[in-house]
Amino acid sequence: MKKKFFWRITLIASAMLLSIIFFIPSTSMYSSMPEWLKSSLPDKGITLGLDLQGGVHIVYEVDGEKAADITTERIAGSLTNIFREKKVDARAEKEQMGIVINSSDDKIKGIVEDNYPSLEFVSKSGGKLSYKLSDKEIGRIKDLAADQALETIRNRIDQFGVSEPTIHRQASNEIVVQLPGVKDAKRAIDLVGKTAILEFKLLDDENALAAELPGSIDAGEADKLLAQYADKIPQDDEILFENVTDKDTGYVKKRVYLLKKQTLMTGEFLTEARVNIDQRYNEPYVGIRFNSTGAKLFEQITGNNVKKRLAIILDNNVHSAPMIQDKISGGDAQITGSFTMDEAKDLAIVLRSGSLPAPLKMLQNVTVGPSLGEDSINAGIKAGIIGALLVIVFMIFYYKLSGLIADFALVLNIVFLVGALSAFQATLTMPGIAGIILAIGMAVDSNVLMFERMRDELRLGKTPRAAIDSGYDKAFWTIFDSHVTTLITAVVLYEFGTGPIKGFAVTLGVAVFINLFTALIGTKTVFDLITANREVKKLSI
């Protein structure tokens, strides 16, 4: 008999040992362990979610209309270049959500249809052709913008170093970001929401207006200055600003630049962005590197504009405007400014992760304090302990020795569950704690089904050994069916639920498999041990 269940005892003992090993990194004693012991243990266990350790909860709306507007502008610019290459006298310009081509040449329609079939012809009047994006294409652009924004945000957060963030789409154009443990909410929000459109433009220092503009102004006077010079700014120029902070006083002023609107190069060719220290001034700067195509383009731009100033612009803010002293080969450049180390790191992160396809509008910003998380943890632990004790006492009172065996299965269930969650490096939330408490009830429920069948068999006059075997056999499919339906529910919740609901679904799904193991193998092993070496005439149930 012993050989028949020896493997079960070994399996249970091994599972318990592994569960304890995986759970140790989740305990407070892990930090005080010697390094040689830590190296032989997993380096990570259960991570507390936003509702337990505090952090930042942000909901963004992706501006799909702006994404479609940006796409329309790019198409207009691309068509103008195509016309130039084909030596067609035409120019495409964006107007609202459409494109107007200042030509009625019959060749134009063919060129547009061949290159951009998603454009719909609207009208022909006054020697001009009007096109617009189809509704289907606009819908595709909006959906793609939301997906791209999601991936860009995820890349930024991963490089920011947040442990177990939750980032997912909500509705058609909303993105939910949860950052557990983040204390500096403003820095996180700035990092996530920065559009990060990197552009290189030449300054128009040769224009008379450049000499007329003030060198710098107070930060609050930018709009006033733009309105003052609105009629004087050339059609192909624009005024942009650089924020300059006085190191001694912390006072921020804006340096004024007159630039040419034409973008000579964008960040699409960027392959690397890293933080370096300027040895002369001991200040951080961001070193950037372009791919082979970008390196050739940058070399061409700098070679053609020696002794001119080239502005490096991020999200319409000038970061630096150095003088081009000579042609720059190799594809390396620097973005300098009055950066702190954190500002330089964040700038490098957003450049590496790429620009957002469209601006983000913040719909919700909630900072959860750690005290709330501590209260939640204490309340959850208290509820779990009280629930487990009540169940343990009831099972012993109602089923006697068999109830004690069921309580052993309950302890196994809890140990295996926290071990499994630690092994998966799961994020524990309040719904997850609720799932653990639910698993306690499920573990006992399975044993109740088997014990009642065993009682029925004993009433029919069967021996305890026969009643045990028959009770397990007859209750098996009932227990199996109930767990399968619960597992289906967990899968549906995980597939269609959001962050906290997914946490509950994971806990519930893992609990299903563990319950089956402890109910059908754990308690059966104990009954087999009791009845293995002696004849039991009466079963305490």
Protein backbone atom coordinates (compact mmCIF):
# COMPACT_ATOMS: atom_id res chain seq x y z
CA MET A 1 0.00 0.00 0.00
CA LYS A 2 2.80 2.42 0.89
CA LYS A 3 4.37 2.13 -2.56
CA LYS A 4 1.05 3.12 -4.11
CA PHE A 5 1.01 6.55 -2.47
CA PHE A 6 4.70 7.17 -1.81
CA TRP A 7 4.93 9.25 -5.00
CA ARG A 8 2.03 11.38 -3.76
CA ILE A 9 3.79 12.15 -0.48
CA THR A 10 6.96 13.07 -2.40
CA LEU A 11 4.96 15.30 -4.77
CA ILE A 12 3.20 17.13 -1.92
CA ALA A 13 6.43 17.64 0.04
CA SER A 14 8.27 18.90 -3.07
CA ALA A 15 5.45 21.30 -3.92
CA MET A 16 5.47 22.67 -0.36
CA LEU A 17 9.25 23.17 -0.42
CA LEU A 18 9.14 24.94 -3.78
CA SER A 19 6.24 27.16 -2.65
CA ILE A 20 8.20 28.26 0.43
CA ILE A 21 11.34 28.94 -1.64
CA PHE A 22 9.43 31.04 -4.18
CA PHE A 23 7.59 32.93 -1.43
CA ILE A 24 10.71 33.94 0.54
CA PRO A 25 11.57 36.94 -1.73
CA SER A 26 8.11 38.32 -0.94
CA THR A 27 8.85 38.43 2.80
CA SER A 28 10.65 41.08 4.86
CA MET A 29 13.37 38.66 5.97
CA TYR A 30 14.66 38.36 2.38
CA SER A 31 16.46 41.73 2.56
CA SER A 32 18.40 40.67 5.69
CA MET A 33 19.62 37.38 4.21
CA PRO A 34 23.30 37.00 3.24
CA GLU A 35 24.11 37.48 -0.44
CA TRP A 36 25.25 33.88 -0.94
CA LEU A 37 21.82 32.67 0.17
CA LYS A 38 19.97 35.27 -1.91
CA SER A 39 21.84 34.12 -5.01
CA SER A 40 20.35 30.64 -4.65
CA LEU A 41 16.80 31.98 -4.29
CA PRO A 42 14.49 33.67 -6.84
CA ASP A 43 15.22 37.41 -7.01
CA LYS A 44 11.60 38.47 -7.10
CA GLY A 45 8.29 37.39 -5.57
CA ILE A 46 4.81 38.85 -5.31
CA THR A 47 4.60 42.54 -6.20
CA LEU A 48 2.00 44.74 -4.53
CA GLY A 49 -0.41 46.52 -6.86
CA LEU A 50 -1.35 50.19 -6.98
CA ASP A 51 -4.16 49.82 -4.45
CA LEU A 52 -1.82 48.21 -1.91
CA GLN A 53 1.45 50.16 -2.12
CA GLY A 54 0.23 53.46 -3.57
CA GLY A 55 1.30 55.10 -6.81
CA VAL A 56 -0.20 56.91 -9.78
CA HIS A 57 -3.35 56.11 -11.78
CA ILE A 58 -3.69 58.06 -15.03
CA VAL A 59 -6.25 57.85 -17.83
CA TYR A 60 -5.28 59.41 -21.18
CA GLU A 61 -7.31 60.08 -24.28
CA VAL A 62 -5.48 59.77 -27.60
CA ASP A 63 -6.33 62.69 -29.90
CA GLY A 64 -7.35 60.65 -32.94
CA GLU A 65 -8.44 63.74 -34.87
CA LYS A 66 -4.95 65.20 -34.50
CA ALA A 67 -3.44 61.89 -35.68
CA ALA A 68 -5.59 62.06 -38.82
CA ASP A 69 -4.63 65.74 -39.23
CA ILE A 70 -0.91 64.90 -38.97
CA THR A 71 -1.34 62.09 -41.52
CA THR A 72 -3.10 64.46 -43.92
CA GLU A 73 -0.28 66.98 -43.60
CA ARG A 74 2.34 64.31 -44.29
CA ILE A 75 0.44 63.09 -47.35
CA ALA A 76 0.24 66.67 -48.68
CA GLY A 77 4.00 67.09 -48.28
CA SER A 78 4.67 63.70 -49.88
CA LEU A 79 2.44 64.49 -52.87
CA THR A 80 4.23 67.80 -53.43
CA ASN A 81 7.58 65.94 -53.55
CA ILE A 82 6.12 63.34 -55.95
CA PHE A 83 4.84 66.11 -58.24
CA ARG A 84 8.30 67.69 -58.19
CA GLU A 85 9.97 64.37 -59.06
CA LYS A 86 7.54 63.80 -61.95
CA LYS A 87 8.05 67.41 -63.12
CA VAL A 88 4.36 68.22 -62.68
CA ASP A 89 3.60 71.88 -61.92
CA ALA A 90 1.43 71.33 -58.81
CA ARG A 91 1.53 71.76 -55.06
CA ALA A 92 -0.57 69.95 -52.44
CA GLU A 93 -1.63 71.80 -49.29
CA LYS A 94 -3.56 70.63 -46.25
CA GLU A 95 -6.84 72.36 -45.48
CA GLN A 96 -8.64 71.14 -42.36
CA MET A 97 -9.05 67.36 -42.86
CA GLY A 98 -8.57 67.54 -46.64
CA ILE A 99 -5.96 68.22 -49.29
CA VAL A 100 -6.21 70.88 -51.98
CA ILE A 101 -4.01 70.62 -55.08
CA ASN A 102 -3.52 73.90 -56.97
CA SER A 103 -3.74 72.30 -60.40
CA SER A 104 -6.43 70.73 -62.60
CA ASP A 105 -3.97 68.75 -64.72
CA ASP A 106 -5.45 65.38 -65.71
CA LYS A 107 -2.21 63.67 -64.65
CA ILE A 108 -2.82 64.70 -61.03
CA LYS A 109 -5.74 62.30 -60.46
CA GLY A 110 -3.73 59.34 -61.69
CA ILE A 111 -0.75 60.22 -59.50
CA VAL A 112 -2.94 60.61 -56.40
CA GLU A 113 -4.83 57.35 -57.02
CA ASP A 114 -1.62 55.40 -57.64
CA ASN A 115 0.17 56.65 -54.51
CA TYR A 116 -2.68 57.25 -52.05
CA PRO A 117 -5.77 55.16 -52.89
CA SER A 118 -7.16 55.98 -49.43
CA LEU A 119 -7.83 59.57 -50.60
CA GLU A 120 -11.32 60.25 -51.91
CA PHE A 121 -11.94 62.82 -54.64
CA VAL A 122 -14.24 65.62 -53.41
CA SER A 123 -14.47 68.32 -56.08
CA LYS A 124 -12.81 70.24 -58.91
CA SER A 125 -13.25 73.99 -59.03
CA GLY A 126 -11.26 77.10 -59.86
CA GLY A 127 -8.33 75.09 -61.20
CA LYS A 128 -7.99 73.18 -57.95
CA LEU A 129 -8.63 69.54 -56.95
CA SER A 130 -9.92 68.68 -53.49
CA TYR A 131 -9.38 65.33 -51.74
CA LYS A 132 -10.11 63.95 -48.30
CA LEU A 133 -9.28 60.83 -46.31
CA SER A 134 -12.02 58.19 -46.45
CA ASP A 135 -13.99 57.53 -43.26
CA LYS A 136 -12.59 54.00 -43.19
CA GLU A 137 -9.03 55.31 -43.41
CA ILE A 138 -9.65 57.89 -40.66
CA GLY A 139 -10.99 55.11 -38.41
CA ARG A 140 -7.92 52.99 -39.16
CA ILE A 141 -5.59 55.91 -38.38
CA LYS A 142 -7.32 56.59 -35.05
CA ASP A 143 -7.17 52.93 -34.03
CA LEU A 144 -3.53 52.67 -35.10
CA ALA A 145 -2.70 55.86 -33.18
CA ALA A 146 -4.14 54.38 -29.98
CA ASP A 147 -2.13 51.16 -30.47
CA GLN A 148 1.06 53.07 -31.23
CA ALA A 149 0.56 55.35 -28.23
CA LEU A 150 0.06 52.28 -26.03
CA GLU A 151 3.33 50.71 -27.17
CA THR A 152 5.24 54.00 -26.91
CA ILE A 153 4.00 54.56 -23.36
CA ARG A 154 4.86 50.98 -22.43
CA ASN A 155 8.41 51.42 -23.76
CA ARG A 156 8.87 54.65 -21.82
CA ILE A 157 7.56 53.16 -18.58
CA ASP A 158 9.77 50.06 -18.95
CA GLN A 159 12.85 52.29 -19.27
CA PHE A 160 11.64 54.49 -16.42
CA GLY A 161 12.05 51.46 -14.13
CA VAL A 162 8.55 51.11 -12.64
CA SER A 163 7.95 47.66 -11.17
CA GLU A 164 4.90 45.83 -12.56
CA PRO A 165 3.08 48.75 -14.27
CA THR A 166 -0.40 48.20 -15.69
CA ILE A 167 -0.91 49.73 -19.14
CA HIS A 168 -3.91 48.90 -21.29
CA ARG A 169 -6.47 50.36 -23.71
CA GLN A 170 -9.89 51.33 -22.48
CA ALA A 171 -12.76 52.01 -24.87
CA SER A 172 -11.63 53.00 -28.38
CA ASN A 173 -9.20 55.84 -27.66
CA GLU A 174 -8.33 55.77 -23.96
CA ILE A 175 -5.21 54.39 -22.26
CA VAL A 176 -5.04 53.53 -18.57
CA VAL A 177 -1.64 53.74 -16.88
CA GLN A 178 -1.08 52.50 -13.32
CA LEU A 179 2.37 52.97 -11.78
CA PRO A 180 2.66 51.26 -8.37
CA GLY A 181 5.20 52.71 -5.97
CA VAL A 182 5.85 55.90 -7.97
CA LYS A 183 6.32 58.84 -5.61
CA ASP A 184 7.17 61.62 -8.11
CA ALA A 185 3.84 61.79 -9.95
CA LYS A 186 4.72 64.94 -11.93
CA ARG A 187 7.87 63.43 -13.39
CA ALA A 188 6.00 60.27 -14.41
CA ILE A 189 3.20 62.29 -16.03
CA ASP A 190 5.68 64.48 -17.92
CA LEU A 191 7.55 61.42 -19.15
CA VAL A 192 4.44 59.57 -20.34
CA GLY A 193 2.67 62.52 -21.95
CA LYS A 194 5.59 64.10 -23.81
CA THR A 195 4.89 63.94 -27.55
CA ALA A 196 8.65 63.84 -28.29
CA ILE A 197 8.64 65.08 -31.88
CA LEU A 198 12.33 65.78 -32.57
CA GLU A 199 13.09 68.22 -35.41
CA PHE A 200 16.13 69.99 -36.82
CA LYS A 201 15.57 73.44 -38.36
CA LEU A 202 17.81 76.30 -39.47
CA LEU A 203 17.65 79.71 -37.82
CA ASP A 204 16.82 82.61 -40.16
CA ASP A 205 19.48 84.94 -38.77
CA GLU A 206 19.82 86.73 -42.13
CA ASN A 207 16.27 88.12 -41.93
CA ALA A 208 15.99 91.66 -40.61
CA LEU A 209 13.34 90.54 -38.12
CA ALA A 210 15.91 88.34 -36.33
CA ALA A 211 17.86 91.43 -35.28
CA GLU A 212 14.67 93.22 -34.22
CA LEU A 213 13.50 90.44 -31.86
CA PRO A 214 14.52 90.67 -28.19
CA GLY A 215 17.18 88.18 -27.10
CA SER A 216 15.07 86.88 -24.22
CA ILE A 217 11.78 87.60 -22.47
CA ASP A 218 10.01 86.63 -19.27
CA ALA A 219 8.32 83.24 -19.42
CA GLY A 220 4.82 84.72 -19.30
CA GLU A 221 5.33 87.12 -22.24
CA ALA A 222 5.60 84.55 -25.07
CA ASP A 223 2.01 84.96 -26.31
CA LYS A 224 2.30 88.74 -26.17
CA LEU A 225 5.46 88.69 -28.29
CA LEU A 226 3.90 86.35 -30.88
CA ALA A 227 0.89 88.66 -31.19
CA GLN A 228 3.17 91.72 -31.47
CA TYR A 229 5.15 90.30 -34.40
CA ALA A 230 2.37 88.24 -36.04
CA ASP A 231 2.23 90.50 -39.13
CA LYS A 232 6.01 90.72 -39.48
CA ILE A 233 6.89 87.03 -39.44
CA PRO A 234 7.70 85.83 -43.00
CA GLN A 235 5.39 83.14 -44.40
CA ASP A 236 8.15 80.50 -44.34
CA ASP A 237 9.40 81.41 -40.85
CA GLU A 238 8.22 80.96 -37.27
CA ILE A 239 9.16 82.10 -33.78
CA LEU A 240 10.06 79.48 -31.17
CA PHE A 241 11.52 79.69 -27.67
CA GLU A 242 14.13 78.04 -25.48
CA ASN A 243 13.63 77.84 -21.73
CA VAL A 244 16.67 79.18 -19.89
CA THR A 245 16.93 78.75 -16.12
CA ASP A 246 19.20 80.92 -14.00
CA LYS A 247 21.27 78.50 -11.90
CA ASP A 248 21.57 80.87 -8.97
CA THR A 249 18.00 82.17 -8.71
CA GLY A 250 16.05 79.44 -10.50
CA TYR A 251 14.28 82.14 -12.54
CA VAL A 252 13.10 80.93 -15.97
CA LYS A 253 13.32 83.14 -19.05
CA LYS A 254 12.63 82.37 -22.70
CA ARG A 255 15.26 82.86 -25.38
CA VAL A 256 13.68 83.97 -28.67
CA TYR A 257 14.55 82.44 -32.06
CA LEU A 258 13.41 83.12 -35.61
CA LEU A 259 13.51 79.83 -37.51
CA LYS A 260 12.68 78.58 -40.96
CA LYS A 261 9.58 76.39 -40.91
CA GLN A 262 11.10 73.72 -43.11
CA THR A 263 12.09 70.64 -41.11
CA LEU A 264 15.42 69.42 -42.41
CA MET A 265 15.41 66.23 -40.37
CA THR A 266 13.28 64.44 -37.75
CA GLY A 267 13.89 61.89 -35.02
CA GLU A 268 12.73 59.00 -37.20
CA PHE A 269 16.39 58.23 -38.03
CA LEU A 270 17.40 58.08 -34.35
CA THR A 271 18.93 54.80 -33.11
CA GLU A 272 20.38 55.79 -29.75
CA ALA A 273 20.01 58.46 -27.07
CA ARG A 274 22.20 58.41 -23.99
CA VAL A 275 23.10 60.70 -21.10
CA ASN A 276 26.71 61.95 -20.97
CA ILE A 277 28.52 64.47 -18.78
CA ASP A 278 30.15 67.57 -20.28
CA GLN A 279 33.64 67.53 -18.72
CA ARG A 280 34.06 71.29 -19.17
CA TYR A 281 31.00 72.35 -17.17
CA ASN A 282 30.22 69.08 -15.37
CA GLU A 283 26.67 69.19 -16.77
CA PRO A 284 24.63 66.36 -18.29
CA TYR A 285 23.70 66.40 -21.97
CA VAL A 286 21.99 63.91 -24.29
CA GLY A 287 24.13 62.34 -26.99
CA ILE A 288 22.18 61.04 -29.99
CA ARG A 289 23.13 58.79 -32.90
CA PHE A 290 21.45 58.31 -36.26
CA ASN A 291 21.21 55.26 -38.49
CA SER A 292 23.15 55.13 -41.76
CA THR A 293 20.45 57.01 -43.69
CA GLY A 294 20.17 59.65 -40.98
CA ALA A 295 23.96 59.97 -40.71
CA LYS A 296 24.23 60.73 -44.44
CA LEU A 297 21.39 63.23 -44.25
CA PHE A 298 22.87 64.95 -41.17
CA GLU A 299 26.26 65.12 -42.88
CA GLN A 300 24.61 66.70 -45.93
CA ILE A 301 22.66 69.22 -43.83
CA THR A 302 25.70 70.33 -41.81
CA GLY A 303 27.94 70.39 -44.89
CA ASN A 304 25.53 72.67 -46.79
CA ASN A 305 25.01 75.07 -43.87
CA VAL A 306 28.44 75.74 -42.39
CA LYS A 307 28.50 78.90 -40.21
CA LYS A 308 24.73 78.77 -39.81
CA ARG A 309 22.86 77.89 -36.64
CA LEU A 310 20.91 74.63 -36.48
CA ALA A 311 18.13 74.41 -33.88
CA ILE A 312 17.36 71.11 -32.15
CA ILE A 313 13.65 71.20 -31.33
CA LEU A 314 11.57 68.85 -29.20
CA ASP A 315 7.81 69.37 -29.14
CA ASN A 316 8.16 72.92 -30.51
CA ASN A 317 10.62 73.88 -27.77
CA VAL A 318 14.20 74.73 -28.77
CA HIS A 319 16.74 72.84 -26.66
CA SER A 320 19.86 74.21 -28.28
CA ALA A 321 20.88 76.09 -31.42
CA PRO A 322 24.61 75.60 -31.99
CA MET A 323 26.61 77.11 -34.81
CA ILE A 324 27.64 74.57 -37.46
CA GLN A 325 31.42 74.93 -37.56
CA ASP A 326 32.07 72.17 -40.08
CA LYS A 327 30.46 69.19 -41.77
CA ILE A 328 29.58 66.57 -39.14
CA SER A 329 30.16 62.97 -40.19
CA GLY A 330 29.48 59.74 -38.30
CA GLY A 331 25.88 60.43 -37.33
CA ASP A 332 26.50 61.74 -33.79
CA ALA A 333 25.01 64.90 -32.30
CA GLN A 334 24.38 66.48 -28.89
CA ILE A 335 21.35 68.04 -27.25
CA THR A 336 22.57 70.46 -24.61
CA GLY A 337 20.69 72.67 -22.17
CA SER A 338 20.34 73.42 -18.49
CA PHE A 339 19.37 69.83 -17.69
CA THR A 340 19.27 68.17 -14.32
CA MET A 341 20.32 64.53 -14.39
CA ASP A 342 16.67 63.36 -14.15
CA GLU A 343 15.64 65.71 -16.98
CA ALA A 344 18.44 64.41 -19.18
CA LYS A 345 17.52 60.79 -18.41
CA ASP A 346 13.84 61.39 -19.17
CA LEU A 347 14.69 63.16 -22.44
CA ALA A 348 16.86 60.21 -23.48
CA ILE A 349 14.02 57.80 -22.62
CA VAL A 350 11.41 59.59 -24.73
CA LEU A 351 13.82 59.89 -27.65
CA ARG A 352 14.71 56.19 -27.51
CA SER A 353 11.07 55.12 -27.24
CA GLY A 354 9.99 57.31 -30.15
CA SER A 355 7.42 60.06 -30.47
CA LEU A 356 3.75 59.64 -29.77
CA PRO A 357 1.59 59.47 -32.92
CA ALA A 358 -0.79 62.07 -31.50
CA PRO A 359 -1.10 64.28 -28.41
CA LEU A 360 -2.56 62.81 -25.22
CA LYS A 361 -5.27 64.48 -23.16
CA MET A 362 -5.28 63.60 -19.48
CA LEU A 363 -8.79 62.59 -18.39
CA GLN A 364 -7.96 61.40 -14.89
CA ASN A 365 -4.99 61.65 -12.54
CA VAL A 366 -5.21 60.00 -9.14
CA THR A 367 -2.28 59.66 -6.75
CA VAL A 368 -2.85 56.85 -4.24
CA GLY A 369 -1.02 57.32 -0.96
CA PRO A 370 0.93 54.43 0.61
CA SER A 371 -1.06 54.74 3.85
CA LEU A 372 -4.18 53.66 1.97
CA GLY A 373 -2.25 50.66 0.65
CA GLU A 374 -1.10 49.71 4.14
CA ASP A 375 -4.68 49.91 5.43
CA SER A 376 -5.84 47.76 2.53
CA ILE A 377 -3.16 45.15 3.19
CA ASN A 378 -4.00 44.99 6.90
CA ALA A 379 -7.73 44.75 6.17
CA GLY A 380 -7.16 42.02 3.59
CA ILE A 381 -4.88 39.99 5.86
CA LYS A 382 -7.31 40.38 8.76
CA ALA A 383 -10.26 39.25 6.62
CA GLY A 384 -8.26 36.27 5.33
CA ILE A 385 -7.17 35.15 8.79
CA ILE A 386 -10.64 35.49 10.30
CA GLY A 387 -12.22 33.67 7.35
CA ALA A 388 -9.67 30.85 7.48
CA LEU A 389 -10.03 30.39 11.27
CA LEU A 390 -13.83 30.28 11.09
CA VAL A 391 -13.69 27.67 8.33
CA ILE A 392 -11.09 25.59 10.22
CA VAL A 393 -13.14 25.61 13.46
CA PHE A 394 -16.36 24.77 11.63
CA MET A 395 -14.79 21.83 9.74
CA ILE A 396 -13.37 20.31 12.94
CA PHE A 397 -16.66 20.81 14.77
CA TYR A 398 -18.80 19.34 11.99
CA TYR A 399 -16.56 16.63 10.49
CA LYS A 400 -14.26 15.88 13.46
CA LEU A 401 -11.04 14.09 12.37
CA SER A 402 -12.04 14.26 8.72
CA GLY A 403 -12.57 17.99 9.17
CA LEU A 404 -9.03 18.28 10.50
CA ILE A 405 -7.80 16.51 7.36
CA ALA A 406 -9.77 19.03 5.27
CA ASP A 407 -8.06 21.83 7.23
CA PHE A 408 -4.71 20.30 6.32
CA ALA A 409 -5.76 20.55 2.67
CA LEU A 410 -6.77 24.16 3.29
CA VAL A 411 -3.30 25.01 4.65
CA LEU A 412 -1.74 23.24 1.67
CA ASN A 413 -3.99 25.24 -0.61
CA ILE A 414 -2.89 28.59 0.83
CA VAL A 415 0.82 27.64 0.82
CA PHE A 416 0.68 26.41 -2.78
CA LEU A 417 -1.32 29.45 -3.92
CA VAL A 418 1.04 32.09 -2.52
CA GLY A 419 3.98 30.03 -3.78
CA ALA A 420 2.49 29.86 -7.28
CA LEU A 421 1.75 33.61 -7.33
CA SER A 422 5.33 34.28 -6.21
CA ALA A 423 6.69 31.98 -8.93
CA PHE A 424 4.63 33.84 -11.55
CA GLN A 425 5.82 37.15 -10.00
CA ALA A 426 2.18 38.18 -9.93
CA THR A 427 0.96 41.62 -8.88
CA LEU A 428 -1.23 41.32 -5.79
CA THR A 429 -4.19 43.71 -5.59
CA MET A 430 -7.26 43.89 -3.37
CA PRO A 431 -9.25 41.83 -5.91
CA GLY A 432 -6.37 39.34 -5.79
CA ILE A 433 -6.70 39.08 -2.01
CA ALA A 434 -10.42 38.53 -2.54
CA GLY A 435 -9.50 35.71 -4.92
CA ILE A 436 -7.33 34.09 -2.24
CA ILE A 437 -10.19 34.27 0.27
CA LEU A 438 -12.54 32.77 -2.32
CA ALA A 439 -10.00 29.98 -2.89
CA ILE A 440 -10.23 29.13 0.83
CA GLY A 441 -13.96 28.58 0.45
CA MET A 442 -13.48 26.54 -2.72
CA ALA A 443 -10.89 24.31 -1.06
CA VAL A 444 -13.29 23.41 1.74
CA ASP A 445 -16.27 23.08 -0.58
CA SER A 446 -14.61 20.25 -2.52
CA ASN A 447 -13.93 18.34 0.70
CA VAL A 448 -17.51 18.85 1.87
CA LEU A 449 -18.79 17.18 -1.32
CA MET A 450 -16.51 14.17 -0.79
CA PHE A 451 -17.25 13.87 2.93
CA GLU A 452 -21.00 13.86 2.34
CA ARG A 453 -20.64 11.08 -0.25
CA MET A 454 -18.49 9.15 2.23
CA ARG A 455 -21.19 9.58 4.87
CA ASP A 456 -23.76 8.19 2.42
CA GLU A 457 -21.56 5.16 1.78
CA LEU A 458 -21.09 4.55 5.52
CA ARG A 459 -24.87 4.66 6.03
CA LEU A 460 -25.18 1.91 3.41
CA GLY A 461 -23.00 -0.30 5.63
CA LYS A 462 -19.69 -0.08 3.76
CA THR A 463 -16.37 -0.27 5.59
CA PRO A 464 -14.44 2.98 6.16
CA ARG A 465 -11.84 1.99 3.53
CA ALA A 466 -14.55 1.23 0.95
CA ALA A 467 -16.48 4.38 1.89
CA ILE A 468 -13.39 6.54 1.37
CA ASP A 469 -12.66 5.08 -2.07
CA SER A 470 -16.29 5.20 -3.15
CA GLY A 471 -16.77 8.76 -1.83
CA TYR A 472 -13.81 10.08 -3.81
CA ASP A 473 -14.85 8.21 -6.97
CA LYS A 474 -18.46 9.40 -6.91
CA ALA A 475 -17.62 13.03 -6.04
CA PHE A 476 -14.82 13.32 -8.61
CA TRP A 477 -16.88 14.43 -11.62
CA THR A 478 -18.99 16.84 -9.58
CA ILE A 479 -15.83 18.52 -8.26
CA PHE A 480 -14.18 18.44 -11.67
CA ASP A 481 -17.19 19.99 -13.45
CA SER A 482 -17.54 22.80 -10.90
CA HIS A 483 -13.85 23.68 -11.19
CA VAL A 484 -13.94 23.66 -14.99
CA THR A 485 -16.85 26.12 -15.04
CA THR A 486 -14.98 28.32 -12.55
CA LEU A 487 -11.87 28.14 -14.74
CA ILE A 488 -13.91 29.23 -17.77
CA THR A 489 -15.13 32.23 -15.79
CA ALA A 490 -11.54 33.10 -14.83
CA VAL A 491 -10.42 32.90 -18.47
CA VAL A 492 -13.25 35.22 -19.59
CA LEU A 493 -12.46 37.71 -16.82
CA TYR A 494 -8.79 37.70 -17.77
CA GLU A 495 -9.49 38.12 -21.48
CA PHE A 496 -11.99 40.96 -21.23
CA GLY A 497 -11.28 42.51 -17.81
CA THR A 498 -9.00 45.41 -16.92
CA GLY A 499 -6.00 45.43 -14.54
CA PRO A 500 -7.58 44.65 -11.12
CA ILE A 501 -10.08 42.22 -12.65
CA LYS A 502 -7.24 40.42 -14.41
CA GLY A 503 -5.46 40.11 -11.06
CA PHE A 504 -8.54 38.47 -9.59
CA ALA A 505 -8.82 36.17 -12.64
CA VAL A 506 -5.20 35.02 -12.33
CA THR A 507 -5.62 34.22 -8.65
CA LEU A 508 -8.88 32.39 -9.31
CA GLY A 509 -7.45 30.40 -12.23
CA VAL A 510 -4.37 29.28 -10.27
CA ALA A 511 -6.61 28.40 -7.30
CA VAL A 512 -8.72 26.07 -9.48
CA PHE A 513 -5.77 23.81 -10.32
CA ILE A 514 -4.41 23.90 -6.76
CA ASN A 515 -7.85 23.04 -5.33
CA LEU A 516 -8.13 20.00 -7.56
CA PHE A 517 -4.69 18.84 -6.44
CA THR A 518 -5.23 19.34 -2.69
CA ALA A 519 -8.78 17.96 -2.69
CA LEU A 520 -8.24 14.88 -4.85
CA ILE A 521 -4.64 14.05 -3.94
CA GLY A 522 -3.81 15.85 -0.67
CA THR A 523 -6.64 14.63 1.55
CA LYS A 524 -6.77 11.22 -0.15
CA THR A 525 -3.13 10.69 0.75
CA VAL A 526 -3.84 11.42 4.43
CA PHE A 527 -6.78 8.98 4.49
CA ASP A 528 -4.58 6.34 2.83
CA LEU A 529 -1.90 6.85 5.48
CA ILE A 530 -4.46 6.41 8.27
CA THR A 531 -5.91 3.20 6.82
CA ALA A 532 -2.70 1.71 5.40
CA ASN A 533 -1.31 -0.27 8.35
CA ARG A 534 -4.39 -1.08 10.35
CA GLU A 535 -8.01 -1.95 9.90
CA VAL A 536 -10.17 1.07 10.71
CA LYS A 537 -13.60 0.01 11.93
CA LYS A 538 -15.02 3.50 12.41
CA LEU A 539 -14.31 6.69 10.51
CA SER A 540 -14.43 9.99 12.43
CA ILE A 541 -16.64 11.98 10.06
